[in-house]
């Protein structure tokens, strides 16, 4: 009867690593923020993903962006700057884990999880 049989197509499995990290506010606010693979805004504005109450923090101070399998911190033209381990951030800085990130006078510890 000459019918054709459908062939089963098996797609390769692609593993996408889950990026997980933690930002623990040590000064200028409180709390631990569990981070997953998306962009986060940091600032004094109530619309920020991570809200810091320190007066030295701008409304929209900085953001964490995805950079491969890591996060990078980017200053958003804040008045008092963003630092990593005391050094000013110029452009973006890829975080590896264990750094102290400064947003004005506020401080947070960045750690990779898993």
PDB file of N, CA and C in Angstrom:
ATOM      1  N   UNK A   1       0.788  -1.168   0.000  1.00  0.00           N
ATOM      2  CA  UNK A   1       0.000   0.000   0.000  1.00  0.00           C
ATOM      3  C   UNK A   1       0.841   1.247   0.000  1.00  0.00           C
ATOM      4  N   UNK A   2       2.119   1.147   0.031  1.00  0.00           N
ATOM      5  CA  UNK A   2       3.046   2.219  -0.290  1.00  0.00           C
ATOM      6  C   UNK A   2       3.001   3.456   0.592  1.00  0.00           C
ATOM      7  N   UNK A   3       2.436   3.398   1.804  1.00  0.00           N
ATOM      8  CA  UNK A   3       2.420   4.562   2.690  1.00  0.00           C
ATOM      9  C   UNK A   3       3.797   4.831   3.284  1.00  0.00           C
ATOM     10  N   UNK A   4       4.067   6.046   3.606  1.00  0.00           N
ATOM     11  CA  UNK A   4       5.344   6.404   4.231  1.00  0.00           C
ATOM     12  C   UNK A   4       5.175   6.425   5.739  1.00  0.00           C
ATOM     13  N   UNK A   5       6.150   5.914   6.442  1.00  0.00           N
ATOM     14  CA  UNK A   5       6.140   5.978   7.898  1.00  0.00           C
ATOM     15  C   UNK A   5       6.840   7.253   8.336  1.00  0.00           C
ATOM     16  N   UNK A   6       6.263   7.884   9.340  1.00  0.00           N
ATOM     17  CA  UNK A   6       6.895   9.087   9.883  1.00  0.00           C
ATOM     18  C   UNK A   6       8.151   8.689  10.636  1.00  0.00           C
ATOM     19  N   UNK A   7       9.203   9.465  10.429  1.00  0.00           N
ATOM     20  CA  UNK A   7      10.446   9.219  11.156  1.00  0.00           C
ATOM     21  C   UNK A   7      10.414   9.992  12.463  1.00  0.00           C
ATOM     22  N   UNK A   8      10.907   9.359  13.513  1.00  0.00           N
ATOM     23  CA  UNK A   8      10.986  10.029  14.803  1.00  0.00           C
ATOM     24  C   UNK A   8      12.227  10.910  14.816  1.00  0.00           C
ATOM     25  N   UNK A   9      12.014  12.162  15.133  1.00  0.00           N
ATOM     26  CA  UNK A   9      13.117  13.121  15.201  1.00  0.00           C
ATOM     27  C   UNK A   9      13.427  13.367  16.671  1.00  0.00           C
ATOM     28  N   UNK A  10      14.664  13.176  17.035  1.00  0.00           N
ATOM     29  CA  UNK A  10      15.089  13.404  18.409  1.00  0.00           C
ATOM     30  C   UNK A  10      15.991  14.630  18.427  1.00  0.00           C
ATOM     31  N   UNK A  11      15.541  15.641  19.145  1.00  0.00           N
ATOM     32  CA  UNK A  11      16.321  16.872  19.250  1.00  0.00           C
ATOM     33  C   UNK A  11      17.385  16.690  20.329  1.00  0.00           C
ATOM     34  N   UNK A  12      18.562  17.267  20.124  1.00  0.00           N
ATOM     35  CA  UNK A  12      19.601  17.165  21.151  1.00  0.00           C
ATOM     36  C   UNK A  12      19.183  17.912  22.417  1.00  0.00           C
ATOM     37  N   UNK A  13      19.634  17.438  23.537  1.00  0.00           N
ATOM     38  CA  UNK A  13      19.354  18.095  24.807  1.00  0.00           C
ATOM     39  C   UNK A  13      20.373  19.210  25.009  1.00  0.00           C
ATOM     40  N   UNK A  14      19.859  20.381  25.274  1.00  0.00           N
ATOM     41  CA  UNK A  14      20.727  21.529  25.537  1.00  0.00           C
ATOM     42  C   UNK A  14      20.559  21.873  27.000  1.00  0.00           C
ATOM     43  N   UNK A  15      21.655  21.881  27.735  1.00  0.00           N
ATOM     44  CA  UNK A  15      21.601  22.219  29.160  1.00  0.00           C
ATOM     45  C   UNK A  15      21.941  23.695  29.316  1.00  0.00           C
ATOM     46  N   UNK A  16      21.012  24.423  29.861  1.00  0.00           N
ATOM     47  CA  UNK A  16      21.238  25.837  30.137  1.00  0.00           C
ATOM     48  C   UNK A  16      21.494  25.965  31.633  1.00  0.00           C
ATOM     49  N   UNK A  17      22.702  26.371  32.003  1.00  0.00           N
ATOM     50  CA  UNK A  17      22.991  26.462  33.439  1.00  0.00           C
ATOM     51  C   UNK A  17      22.119  27.522  34.095  1.00  0.00           C
ATOM     52  N   UNK A  18      21.652  27.229  35.287  1.00  0.00           N
ATOM     53  CA  UNK A  18      20.869  28.202  36.054  1.00  0.00           C
ATOM     54  C   UNK A  18      21.836  29.084  36.817  1.00  0.00           C
ATOM     55  N   UNK A  19      21.841  30.326  36.482  1.00  0.00           N
ATOM     56  CA  UNK A  19      22.686  31.280  37.185  1.00  0.00           C
ATOM     57  C   UNK A  19      21.975  31.679  38.467  1.00  0.00           C
ATOM     58  N   UNK A  20      22.624  31.446  39.575  1.00  0.00           N
ATOM     59  CA  UNK A  20      22.075  31.827  40.864  1.00  0.00           C
ATOM     60  C   UNK A  20      23.166  32.507  41.676  1.00  0.00           C
ATOM     61  N   UNK A  21      22.751  33.569  42.336  1.00  0.00           N
ATOM     62  CA  UNK A  21      23.692  34.316  43.172  1.00  0.00           C
ATOM     63  C   UNK A  21      22.909  34.957  44.303  1.00  0.00           C
ATOM     64  N   UNK A  22      23.643  35.594  45.209  1.00  0.00           N
ATOM     65  CA  UNK A  22      23.032  36.204  46.383  1.00  0.00           C
ATOM     66  C   UNK A  22      23.698  37.551  46.623  1.00  0.00           C
ATOM     67  N   UNK A  23      22.884  38.541  46.929  1.00  0.00           N
ATOM     68  CA  UNK A  23      23.378  39.866  47.286  1.00  0.00           C
ATOM     69  C   UNK A  23      22.884  40.149  48.706  1.00  0.00           C
ATOM     70  N   UNK A  24      23.822  40.239  49.655  1.00  0.00           N
ATOM     71  CA  UNK A  24      23.485  40.471  51.057  1.00  0.00           C
ATOM     72  C   UNK A  24      23.856  41.898  51.427  1.00  0.00           C
ATOM     73  N   UNK A  25      22.856  42.698  51.763  1.00  0.00           N
ATOM     74  CA  UNK A  25      23.084  44.098  52.116  1.00  0.00           C
ATOM     75  C   UNK A  25      23.661  44.156  53.528  1.00  0.00           C
ATOM     76  N   UNK A  26      24.807  44.809  53.659  1.00  0.00           N
ATOM     77  CA  UNK A  26      25.506  44.902  54.943  1.00  0.00           C
ATOM     78  C   UNK A  26      25.418  46.301  55.550  1.00  0.00           C
ATOM     79  N   UNK A  27      25.218  47.336  54.701  1.00  0.00           N
ATOM     80  CA  UNK A  27      25.146  48.718  55.169  1.00  0.00           C
ATOM     81  C   UNK A  27      24.245  49.495  54.223  1.00  0.00           C
ATOM     82  N   UNK A  28      23.353  50.307  54.773  1.00  0.00           N
ATOM     83  CA  UNK A  28      22.476  51.126  53.943  1.00  0.00           C
ATOM     84  C   UNK A  28      21.143  50.473  53.641  1.00  0.00           C
ATOM     85  N   UNK A  29      20.862  49.413  54.309  1.00  0.00           N
ATOM     86  CA  UNK A  29      19.623  48.668  54.106  1.00  0.00           C
ATOM     87  C   UNK A  29      19.767  47.335  54.793  1.00  0.00           C
ATOM     88  N   UNK A  30      18.915  46.410  54.454  1.00  0.00           N
ATOM     89  CA  UNK A  30      19.016  45.090  55.059  1.00  0.00           C
ATOM     90  C   UNK A  30      18.457  44.050  54.104  1.00  0.00           C
ATOM     91  N   UNK A  31      18.749  42.816  54.407  1.00  0.00           N
ATOM     92  CA  UNK A  31      18.164  41.719  53.651  1.00  0.00           C
ATOM     93  C   UNK A  31      19.139  41.028  52.732  1.00  0.00           C
ATOM     94  N   UNK A  32      18.735  39.827  52.378  1.00  0.00           N
ATOM     95  CA  UNK A  32      19.470  39.022  51.412  1.00  0.00           C
ATOM     96  C   UNK A  32      18.573  38.843  50.203  1.00  0.00           C
ATOM     97  N   UNK A  33      19.122  39.083  49.042  1.00  0.00           N
ATOM     98  CA  UNK A  33      18.369  39.003  47.794  1.00  0.00           C
ATOM     99  C   UNK A  33      18.905  37.842  46.967  1.00  0.00           C
ATOM    100  N   UNK A  34      18.051  36.853  46.735  1.00  0.00           N
ATOM    101  CA  UNK A  34      18.425  35.714  45.899  1.00  0.00           C
ATOM    102  C   UNK A  34      18.261  36.143  44.446  1.00  0.00           C
ATOM    103  N   UNK A  35      19.311  35.979  43.666  1.00  0.00           N
ATOM    104  CA  UNK A  35      19.327  36.441  42.283  1.00  0.00           C
ATOM    105  C   UNK A  35      19.272  35.253  41.326  1.00  0.00           C
ATOM    106  N   UNK A  36      18.434  35.359  40.304  1.00  0.00           N
ATOM    107  CA  UNK A  36      18.390  34.361  39.244  1.00  0.00           C
ATOM    108  C   UNK A  36      18.699  35.062  37.939  1.00  0.00           C
ATOM    109  N   UNK A  37      18.733  34.333  36.868  1.00  0.00           N
ATOM    110  CA  UNK A  37      19.197  34.847  35.575  1.00  0.00           C
ATOM    111  C   UNK A  37      18.224  35.868  34.976  1.00  0.00           C
ATOM    112  N   UNK A  38      18.365  37.107  35.398  1.00  0.00           N
ATOM    113  CA  UNK A  38      17.643  38.250  34.827  1.00  0.00           C
ATOM    114  C   UNK A  38      18.352  39.517  35.281  1.00  0.00           C
ATOM    115  N   UNK A  39      17.916  40.651  34.793  1.00  0.00           N
ATOM    116  CA  UNK A  39      18.516  41.928  35.170  1.00  0.00           C
ATOM    117  C   UNK A  39      17.859  42.474  36.440  1.00  0.00           C
ATOM    118  N   UNK A  40      18.647  43.123  37.290  1.00  0.00           N
ATOM    119  CA  UNK A  40      18.155  43.714  38.539  1.00  0.00           C
ATOM    120  C   UNK A  40      18.579  45.174  38.608  1.00  0.00           C
ATOM    121  N   UNK A  41      17.676  46.042  39.069  1.00  0.00           N
ATOM    122  CA  UNK A  41      18.027  47.432  39.318  1.00  0.00           C
ATOM    123  C   UNK A  41      18.240  47.621  40.818  1.00  0.00           C
ATOM    124  N   UNK A  42      19.158  48.511  41.157  1.00  0.00           N
ATOM    125  CA  UNK A  42      19.509  48.770  42.547  1.00  0.00           C
ATOM    126  C   UNK A  42      19.461  50.274  42.759  1.00  0.00           C
ATOM    127  N   UNK A  43      18.771  50.697  43.814  1.00  0.00           N
ATOM    128  CA  UNK A  43      18.700  52.120  44.094  1.00  0.00           C
ATOM    129  C   UNK A  43      17.774  52.432  45.240  1.00  0.00           C
ATOM    130  N   UNK A  44      17.583  53.718  45.463  1.00  0.00           N
ATOM    131  CA  UNK A  44      16.720  54.179  46.552  1.00  0.00           C
ATOM    132  C   UNK A  44      15.249  54.196  46.140  1.00  0.00           C
ATOM    133  N   UNK A  45      14.964  54.169  44.848  1.00  0.00           N
ATOM    134  CA  UNK A  45      13.588  54.188  44.350  1.00  0.00           C
ATOM    135  C   UNK A  45      12.837  52.924  44.765  1.00  0.00           C
ATOM    136  N   UNK A  46      11.584  53.090  45.130  1.00  0.00           N
ATOM    137  CA  UNK A  46      10.756  51.935  45.493  1.00  0.00           C
ATOM    138  C   UNK A  46      10.508  51.026  44.286  1.00  0.00           C
ATOM    139  N   UNK A  47      10.813  51.499  43.086  1.00  0.00           N
ATOM    140  CA  UNK A  47      10.652  50.688  41.881  1.00  0.00           C
ATOM    141  C   UNK A  47      11.874  49.809  41.600  1.00  0.00           C
ATOM    142  N   UNK A  48      12.927  49.961  42.384  1.00  0.00           N
ATOM    143  CA  UNK A  48      14.135  49.143  42.207  1.00  0.00           C
ATOM    144  C   UNK A  48      13.870  47.720  42.690  1.00  0.00           C
ATOM    145  N   UNK A  49      14.602  46.768  42.107  1.00  0.00           N
ATOM    146  CA  UNK A  49      14.515  45.374  42.560  1.00  0.00           C
ATOM    147  C   UNK A  49      15.175  45.208  43.921  1.00  0.00           C
ATOM    148  N   UNK A  50      16.283  45.911  44.140  1.00  0.00           N
ATOM    149  CA  UNK A  50      16.975  45.926  45.432  1.00  0.00           C
ATOM    150  C   UNK A  50      16.940  47.377  45.910  1.00  0.00           C
ATOM    151  N   UNK A  51      16.145  47.635  46.950  1.00  0.00           N
ATOM    152  CA  UNK A  51      15.975  48.996  47.464  1.00  0.00           C
ATOM    153  C   UNK A  51      16.950  49.218  48.616  1.00  0.00           C
ATOM    154  N   UNK A  52      17.755  50.281  48.498  1.00  0.00           N
ATOM    155  CA  UNK A  52      18.700  50.686  49.540  1.00  0.00           C
ATOM    156  C   UNK A  52      18.260  52.042  50.070  1.00  0.00           C
ATOM    157  N   UNK A  53      18.198  52.179  51.381  1.00  0.00           N
ATOM    158  CA  UNK A  53      17.657  53.395  51.998  1.00  0.00           C
ATOM    159  C   UNK A  53      18.716  54.443  52.334  1.00  0.00           C
ATOM    160  N   UNK A  54      19.967  54.178  52.072  1.00  0.00           N
ATOM    161  CA  UNK A  54      21.033  55.130  52.399  1.00  0.00           C
ATOM    162  C   UNK A  54      20.889  56.387  51.534  1.00  0.00           C
ATOM    163  N   UNK A  55      20.978  57.594  52.130  1.00  0.00           N
ATOM    164  CA  UNK A  55      20.830  58.834  51.358  1.00  0.00           C
ATOM    165  C   UNK A  55      21.908  59.035  50.293  1.00  0.00           C
ATOM    166  N   UNK A  56      23.023  58.321  50.374  1.00  0.00           N
ATOM    167  CA  UNK A  56      24.083  58.462  49.366  1.00  0.00           C
ATOM    168  C   UNK A  56      23.790  57.638  48.105  1.00  0.00           C
ATOM    169  N   UNK A  57      22.715  56.845  48.148  1.00  0.00           N
ATOM    170  CA  UNK A  57      22.341  55.997  47.013  1.00  0.00           C
ATOM    171  C   UNK A  57      21.361  56.759  46.129  1.00  0.00           C
ATOM    172  N   UNK A  58      21.620  56.780  44.826  1.00  0.00           N
ATOM    173  CA  UNK A  58      20.725  57.438  43.876  1.00  0.00           C
ATOM    174  C   UNK A  58      19.449  56.624  43.696  1.00  0.00           C
ATOM    175  N   UNK A  59      18.402  57.273  43.188  1.00  0.00           N
ATOM    176  CA  UNK A  59      17.137  56.591  42.953  1.00  0.00           C
ATOM    177  C   UNK A  59      17.301  55.367  42.072  1.00  0.00           C
ATOM    178  N   UNK A  60      18.013  55.522  40.982  1.00  0.00           N
ATOM    179  CA  UNK A  60      18.356  54.413  40.073  1.00  0.00           C
ATOM    180  C   UNK A  60      19.879  54.405  39.992  1.00  0.00           C
ATOM    181  N   UNK A  61      20.492  53.716  40.918  1.00  0.00           N
ATOM    182  CA  UNK A  61      21.937  53.813  41.140  1.00  0.00           C
ATOM    183  C   UNK A  61      22.747  52.910  40.211  1.00  0.00           C
ATOM    184  N   UNK A  62      22.379  51.634  40.157  1.00  0.00           N
ATOM    185  CA  UNK A  62      23.165  50.655  39.390  1.00  0.00           C
ATOM    186  C   UNK A  62      22.251  49.524  38.941  1.00  0.00           C
ATOM    187  N   UNK A  63      22.798  48.647  38.119  1.00  0.00           N
ATOM    188  CA  UNK A  63      22.054  47.447  37.749  1.00  0.00           C
ATOM    189  C   UNK A  63      23.003  46.267  37.667  1.00  0.00           C
ATOM    190  N   UNK A  64      22.430  45.095  37.864  1.00  0.00           N
ATOM    191  CA  UNK A  64      23.149  43.846  37.644  1.00  0.00           C
ATOM    192  C   UNK A  64      22.623  43.274  36.342  1.00  0.00           C
ATOM    193  N   UNK A  65      23.528  43.003  35.411  1.00  0.00           N
ATOM    194  CA  UNK A  65      23.146  42.464  34.115  1.00  0.00           C
ATOM    195  C   UNK A  65      23.779  41.091  33.926  1.00  0.00           C
ATOM    196  N   UNK A  66      23.200  40.305  33.055  1.00  0.00           N
ATOM    197  CA  UNK A  66      23.764  38.992  32.749  1.00  0.00           C
ATOM    198  C   UNK A  66      24.980  39.157  31.867  1.00  0.00           C
ATOM    199  N   UNK A  67      26.007  38.395  32.195  1.00  0.00           N
ATOM    200  CA  UNK A  67      27.241  38.407  31.402  1.00  0.00           C
ATOM    201  C   UNK A  67      27.725  36.970  31.320  1.00  0.00           C
ATOM    202  N   UNK A  68      27.216  36.215  30.348  1.00  0.00           N
ATOM    203  CA  UNK A  68      27.535  34.794  30.239  1.00  0.00           C
ATOM    204  C   UNK A  68      26.983  34.052  31.437  1.00  0.00           C
ATOM    205  N   UNK A  69      27.858  33.382  32.181  1.00  0.00           N
ATOM    206  CA  UNK A  69      27.418  32.645  33.366  1.00  0.00           C
ATOM    207  C   UNK A  69      27.688  33.421  34.649  1.00  0.00           C
ATOM    208  N   UNK A  70      27.662  34.753  34.549  1.00  0.00           N
ATOM    209  CA  UNK A  70      27.930  35.609  35.702  1.00  0.00           C
ATOM    210  C   UNK A  70      27.052  36.858  35.628  1.00  0.00           C
ATOM    211  N   UNK A  71      27.099  37.633  36.682  1.00  0.00           N
ATOM    212  CA  UNK A  71      26.478  38.954  36.690  1.00  0.00           C
ATOM    213  C   UNK A  71      27.563  40.005  36.565  1.00  0.00           C
ATOM    214  N   UNK A  72      27.212  41.106  35.925  1.00  0.00           N
ATOM    215  CA  UNK A  72      28.090  42.272  35.875  1.00  0.00           C
ATOM    216  C   UNK A  72      27.340  43.423  36.529  1.00  0.00           C
ATOM    217  N   UNK A  73      28.059  44.268  37.259  1.00  0.00           N
ATOM    218  CA  UNK A  73      27.460  45.458  37.854  1.00  0.00           C
ATOM    219  C   UNK A  73      27.796  46.646  36.965  1.00  0.00           C
ATOM    220  N   UNK A  74      26.785  47.494  36.735  1.00  0.00           N
ATOM    221  CA  UNK A  74      26.922  48.673  35.880  1.00  0.00           C
ATOM    222  C   UNK A  74      26.373  49.871  36.648  1.00  0.00           C
ATOM    223  N   UNK A  75      27.160  50.935  36.765  1.00  0.00           N
ATOM    224  CA  UNK A  75      26.688  52.160  37.391  1.00  0.00           C
ATOM    225  C   UNK A  75      25.781  52.887  36.404  1.00  0.00           C
ATOM    226  N   UNK A  76      24.682  53.444  36.892  1.00  0.00           N
ATOM    227  CA  UNK A  76      23.721  54.129  36.024  1.00  0.00           C
ATOM    228  C   UNK A  76      23.855  55.648  36.088  1.00  0.00           C
ATOM    229  N   UNK A  77      25.094  56.126  36.208  1.00  0.00           N
ATOM    230  CA  UNK A  77      25.325  57.565  36.283  1.00  0.00           C
ATOM    231  C   UNK A  77      24.965  58.133  37.648  1.00  0.00           C
ATOM    232  N   UNK A  78      25.147  57.324  38.669  1.00  0.00           N
ATOM    233  CA  UNK A  78      24.799  57.733  40.029  1.00  0.00           C
ATOM    234  C   UNK A  78      25.657  58.905  40.490  1.00  0.00           C
ATOM    235  N   UNK A  79      25.151  59.640  41.466  1.00  0.00           N
ATOM    236  CA  UNK A  79      25.878  60.784  42.013  1.00  0.00           C
ATOM    237  C   UNK A  79      27.138  60.359  42.757  1.00  0.00           C
ATOM    238  N   UNK A  80      27.043  59.284  43.558  1.00  0.00           N
ATOM    239  CA  UNK A  80      28.154  58.890  44.435  1.00  0.00           C
ATOM    240  C   UNK A  80      28.890  57.632  43.992  1.00  0.00           C
ATOM    241  N   UNK A  81      28.585  57.114  42.816  1.00  0.00           N
ATOM    242  CA  UNK A  81      29.361  56.032  42.232  1.00  0.00           C
ATOM    243  C   UNK A  81      29.110  54.649  42.797  1.00  0.00           C
ATOM    244  N   UNK A  82      29.638  53.677  42.067  1.00  0.00           N
ATOM    245  CA  UNK A  82      29.561  52.259  42.420  1.00  0.00           C
ATOM    246  C   UNK A  82      30.993  51.733  42.474  1.00  0.00           C
ATOM    247  N   UNK A  83      31.284  50.918  43.486  1.00  0.00           N
ATOM    248  CA  UNK A  83      32.627  50.354  43.630  1.00  0.00           C
ATOM    249  C   UNK A  83      32.542  48.845  43.789  1.00  0.00           C
ATOM    250  N   UNK A  84      33.630  48.184  43.464  1.00  0.00           N
ATOM    251  CA  UNK A  84      33.791  46.755  43.754  1.00  0.00           C
ATOM    252  C   UNK A  84      35.097  46.622  44.519  1.00  0.00           C
ATOM    253  N   UNK A  85      34.994  46.119  45.740  1.00  0.00           N
ATOM    254  CA  UNK A  85      36.152  46.003  46.644  1.00  0.00           C
ATOM    255  C   UNK A  85      36.923  47.321  46.740  1.00  0.00           C
ATOM    256  N   UNK A  86      36.159  48.425  46.798  1.00  0.00           N
ATOM    257  CA  UNK A  86      36.751  49.745  46.976  1.00  0.00           C
ATOM    258  C   UNK A  86      37.215  50.433  45.704  1.00  0.00           C
ATOM    259  N   UNK A  87      37.179  49.749  44.565  1.00  0.00           N
ATOM    260  CA  UNK A  87      37.627  50.355  43.302  1.00  0.00           C
ATOM    261  C   UNK A  87      36.420  50.821  42.477  1.00  0.00           C
ATOM    262  N   UNK A  88      36.457  52.041  41.951  1.00  0.00           N
ATOM    263  CA  UNK A  88      35.326  52.554  41.166  1.00  0.00           C
ATOM    264  C   UNK A  88      35.035  51.688  39.937  1.00  0.00           C
ATOM    265  N   UNK A  89      33.757  51.495  39.660  1.00  0.00           N
ATOM    266  CA  UNK A  89      33.330  50.742  38.469  1.00  0.00           C
ATOM    267  C   UNK A  89      33.286  51.707  37.296  1.00  0.00           C
ATOM    268  N   UNK A  90      34.034  51.376  36.256  1.00  0.00           N
ATOM    269  CA  UNK A  90      34.020  52.127  34.998  1.00  0.00           C
ATOM    270  C   UNK A  90      33.381  51.214  33.956  1.00  0.00           C
ATOM    271  N   UNK A  91      32.273  51.613  33.385  1.00  0.00           N
ATOM    272  CA  UNK A  91      31.578  50.731  32.441  1.00  0.00           C
ATOM    273  C   UNK A  91      30.872  49.635  33.212  1.00  0.00           C
ATOM    274  N   UNK A  92      31.261  48.387  32.968  1.00  0.00           N
ATOM    275  CA  UNK A  92      30.683  47.283  33.730  1.00  0.00           C
ATOM    276  C   UNK A  92      31.810  46.443  34.324  1.00  0.00           C
ATOM    277  N   UNK A  93      31.490  45.765  35.420  1.00  0.00           N
ATOM    278  CA  UNK A  93      32.475  44.927  36.111  1.00  0.00           C
ATOM    279  C   UNK A  93      31.845  43.560  36.332  1.00  0.00           C
ATOM    280  N   UNK A  94      32.475  42.520  35.803  1.00  0.00           N
ATOM    281  CA  UNK A  94      31.958  41.155  35.950  1.00  0.00           C
ATOM    282  C   UNK A  94      32.312  40.633  37.340  1.00  0.00           C
ATOM    283  N   UNK A  95      31.291  40.238  38.066  1.00  0.00           N
ATOM    284  CA  UNK A  95      31.462  39.735  39.431  1.00  0.00           C
ATOM    285  C   UNK A  95      31.736  38.242  39.403  1.00  0.00           C
ATOM    286  N   UNK A  96      32.690  37.802  40.200  1.00  0.00           N
ATOM    287  CA  UNK A  96      33.068  36.381  40.249  1.00  0.00           C
ATOM    288  C   UNK A  96      32.549  35.686  41.501  1.00  0.00           C
ATOM    289  N   UNK A  97      32.285  36.471  42.544  1.00  0.00           N
ATOM    290  CA  UNK A  97      31.822  35.917  43.816  1.00  0.00           C
ATOM    291  C   UNK A  97      32.783  36.297  44.917  1.00  0.00           C
ATOM    292  N   UNK A  98      32.231  36.740  46.047  1.00  0.00           N
ATOM    293  CA  UNK A  98      33.046  37.122  47.191  1.00  0.00           C
ATOM    294  C   UNK A  98      33.370  38.604  47.255  1.00  0.00           C
ATOM    295  N   UNK A  99      32.895  39.383  46.293  1.00  0.00           N
ATOM    296  CA  UNK A  99      33.199  40.821  46.290  1.00  0.00           C
ATOM    297  C   UNK A  99      32.250  41.602  47.195  1.00  0.00           C
ATOM    298  N   UNK A 100      32.744  42.749  47.650  1.00  0.00           N
ATOM    299  CA  UNK A 100      31.901  43.735  48.322  1.00  0.00           C
ATOM    300  C   UNK A 100      31.623  44.831  47.313  1.00  0.00           C
ATOM    301  N   UNK A 101      30.339  45.073  47.062  1.00  0.00           N
ATOM    302  CA  UNK A 101      29.931  46.073  46.087  1.00  0.00           C
ATOM    303  C   UNK A 101      29.399  47.279  46.842  1.00  0.00           C
ATOM    304  N   UNK A 102      29.919  48.459  46.506  1.00  0.00           N
ATOM    305  CA  UNK A 102      29.479  49.693  47.141  1.00  0.00           C
ATOM    306  C   UNK A 102      28.590  50.490  46.211  1.00  0.00           C
ATOM    307  N   UNK A 103      27.484  50.965  46.762  1.00  0.00           N
ATOM    308  CA  UNK A 103      26.555  51.844  46.039  1.00  0.00           C
ATOM    309  C   UNK A 103      26.498  53.118  46.872  1.00  0.00           C
ATOM    310  N   UNK A 104      27.287  54.144  46.495  1.00  0.00           N
ATOM    311  CA  UNK A 104      27.469  55.282  47.389  1.00  0.00           C
ATOM    312  C   UNK A 104      28.124  54.761  48.660  1.00  0.00           C
ATOM    313  N   UNK A 105      27.526  55.042  49.831  1.00  0.00           N
ATOM    314  CA  UNK A 105      28.056  54.557  51.113  1.00  0.00           C
ATOM    315  C   UNK A 105      27.478  53.196  51.514  1.00  0.00           C
ATOM    316  N   UNK A 106      26.469  52.718  50.807  1.00  0.00           N
ATOM    317  CA  UNK A 106      25.864  51.414  51.100  1.00  0.00           C
ATOM    318  C   UNK A 106      26.800  50.302  50.624  1.00  0.00           C
ATOM    319  N   UNK A 107      26.730  49.152  51.281  1.00  0.00           N
ATOM    320  CA  UNK A 107      27.597  48.016  50.941  1.00  0.00           C
ATOM    321  C   UNK A 107      26.787  46.736  50.883  1.00  0.00           C
ATOM    322  N   UNK A 108      27.153  45.870  49.941  1.00  0.00           N
ATOM    323  CA  UNK A 108      26.519  44.563  49.816  1.00  0.00           C
ATOM    324  C   UNK A 108      27.574  43.539  49.421  1.00  0.00           C
ATOM    325  N   UNK A 109      27.390  42.322  49.883  1.00  0.00           N
ATOM    326  CA  UNK A 109      28.298  41.207  49.571  1.00  0.00           C
ATOM    327  C   UNK A 109      27.665  40.379  48.463  1.00  0.00           C
ATOM    328  N   UNK A 110      28.422  40.139  47.392  1.00  0.00           N
ATOM    329  CA  UNK A 110      27.950  39.335  46.264  1.00  0.00           C
ATOM    330  C   UNK A 110      28.554  37.939  46.348  1.00  0.00           C
ATOM    331  N   UNK A 111      27.716  36.913  46.254  1.00  0.00           N
ATOM    332  CA  UNK A 111      28.190  35.536  46.283  1.00  0.00           C
ATOM    333  C   UNK A 111      27.478  34.723  45.206  1.00  0.00           C
ATOM    334  N   UNK A 112      28.218  33.869  44.540  1.00  0.00           N
ATOM    335  CA  UNK A 112      27.611  32.906  43.625  1.00  0.00           C
ATOM    336  C   UNK A 112      27.074  31.742  44.444  1.00  0.00           C
ATOM    337  N   UNK A 113      25.958  31.181  44.032  1.00  0.00           N
ATOM    338  CA  UNK A 113      25.347  30.058  44.732  1.00  0.00           C
ATOM    339  C   UNK A 113      25.335  28.852  43.800  1.00  0.00           C
ATOM    340  N   UNK A 114      25.844  27.729  44.317  1.00  0.00           N
ATOM    341  CA  UNK A 114      25.817  26.485  43.537  1.00  0.00           C
ATOM    342  C   UNK A 114      26.756  26.515  42.438  1.00  0.00           C
TER     343      UNK A 114
END
